[in-house]
Structures are given as structure tokens and as C-alpha cells.
């Protein structure tokens, strides 16, 4: 296999791996958002500072991971939420 062909094969393989990561992230995202909503409901009832810290961390993680995987709208909304916490 020539250098150009092996480079293309590696590139295709990498693109497939990235696509699979994005697919897995997208599949898990609704559950993450649902869990965040549940944590917020719990926090609304007891105002536990430790829970708020956990919520902030999860929202912060969503900002970055959603941006990375191409979910810019969710990332932007999470950034606004993060700044208001």
C-alpha cells in the first residue's frame, strides 16, 4: 500500500471513530439532560449547596462536550445557564 493510500485509510478509520463517538454522545445526551433536570428539581426543593456545585459542574461539562461534538445550540444554552448559576 502506498503512503497516500495508508494515510487515507487511517484518515477514514479516524473519521469513523469520531462519528461513532458523536453518535454515542448524541444517544446519551437526552439522559444527561433529564438527569440534570431532576437534579435541578431536587435542588429547588432543598437548596443544597453541594448539589448546586454538582449541577454547575455538569452544566459546565455540557458546554464543552456539546461544543466538541457539534451541538452548538445546546452548548450555547448551557453556557447561559452556567453563567447564571
Protein backbone atom coordinates (compact mmCIF):
# COMPACT_ATOMS: atom_id res chain seq x y z
CA UNK A 1 0.00 0.00 0.00
CA UNK A 2 1.42 3.39 -0.96
CA UNK A 3 1.89 6.10 1.64
CA UNK A 4 -1.05 8.15 0.34
CA UNK A 5 -3.35 5.15 0.47
CA UNK A 6 -2.36 4.23 4.03
CA UNK A 7 -2.82 7.83 5.12
CA UNK A 8 -6.30 7.84 3.59
CA UNK A 9 -7.13 4.55 5.33
CA UNK A 10 -6.02 5.96 8.68
CA UNK A 11 -7.99 9.14 7.99
CA UNK A 12 -11.12 7.15 7.11
CA UNK A 13 -10.70 4.99 10.20
CA UNK A 14 -10.29 8.08 12.38
CA UNK A 15 -13.35 9.70 10.82
CA UNK A 16 -15.37 6.56 11.54
CA UNK A 17 -14.22 6.53 15.16
CA UNK A 18 -15.10 10.19 15.59
CA UNK A 19 -18.53 9.61 14.01
CA UNK A 20 -19.12 6.72 16.42
CA UNK A 21 -18.12 8.88 19.40
CA UNK A 22 -20.52 11.59 18.24
CA UNK A 23 -23.29 9.03 17.77
CA UNK A 24 -22.72 7.63 21.27
CA UNK A 25 -22.67 11.13 22.74
CA UNK A 26 -25.92 12.02 20.97
CA UNK A 27 -27.55 8.83 22.22
CA UNK A 28 -26.56 9.58 25.84
CA UNK A 29 -27.42 13.30 25.71
CA UNK A 30 -31.17 13.04 26.46
CA UNK A 31 -30.42 11.02 29.58
CA UNK A 32 -27.85 13.56 30.74
CA UNK A 33 -30.31 16.41 30.22
CA UNK A 34 -33.05 14.51 32.03
CA UNK A 35 -30.75 13.80 34.97
CA UNK A 36 -29.79 17.48 35.08
CA UNK A 37 -33.46 18.48 35.17
CA UNK A 38 -34.07 16.02 38.01
CA UNK A 39 -31.11 17.39 39.97
CA UNK A 40 -32.46 20.90 39.45
CA UNK A 41 -35.89 19.86 40.78
CA UNK A 42 -34.24 18.33 43.83
CA UNK A 43 -32.17 21.47 44.36
CA UNK A 44 -35.29 23.64 44.07
CA UNK A 45 -36.76 21.70 46.99
CA UNK A 46 -33.80 21.74 49.36
CA UNK A 47 -31.23 24.34 48.16
CA UNK A 48 -28.32 22.04 48.97
CA UNK A 49 -25.08 23.91 48.07
CA UNK A 50 -23.29 20.63 47.28
CA UNK A 51 -25.99 19.72 44.78
CA UNK A 52 -25.74 23.15 43.17
CA UNK A 53 -22.00 22.60 42.81
CA UNK A 54 -22.69 19.26 41.09
CA UNK A 55 -25.25 20.91 38.80
CA UNK A 56 -22.77 23.63 37.88
CA UNK A 57 -20.09 21.04 37.07
CA UNK A 58 -22.48 19.03 34.87
CA UNK A 59 -23.63 22.16 33.03
CA UNK A 60 -20.00 23.21 32.55
CA UNK A 61 -19.22 19.76 31.12
CA UNK A 62 -22.19 20.04 28.77
CA UNK A 63 -20.91 23.38 27.47
CA UNK A 64 -17.62 21.86 26.42
CA UNK A 65 -18.72 18.44 25.27
CA UNK A 66 -21.70 19.72 23.28
CA UNK A 67 -19.44 22.24 21.55
CA UNK A 68 -16.91 19.50 20.80
CA UNK A 69 -19.48 17.15 19.30
CA UNK A 70 -21.23 19.80 17.22
CA UNK A 71 -24.30 20.53 19.35
CA UNK A 72 -23.69 24.27 19.36
CA UNK A 73 -27.24 25.26 20.26
CA UNK A 74 -27.23 23.11 23.38
CA UNK A 75 -23.74 24.30 24.24
CA UNK A 76 -24.82 27.94 23.92
CA UNK A 77 -27.90 27.36 26.11
CA UNK A 78 -25.82 25.52 28.69
CA UNK A 79 -23.29 28.38 28.71
CA UNK A 80 -26.06 30.87 29.51
CA UNK A 81 -27.27 28.59 32.30
CA UNK A 82 -23.74 28.12 33.62
CA UNK A 83 -23.22 31.88 33.79
CA UNK A 84 -26.44 32.32 35.75
CA UNK A 85 -25.63 29.67 38.38
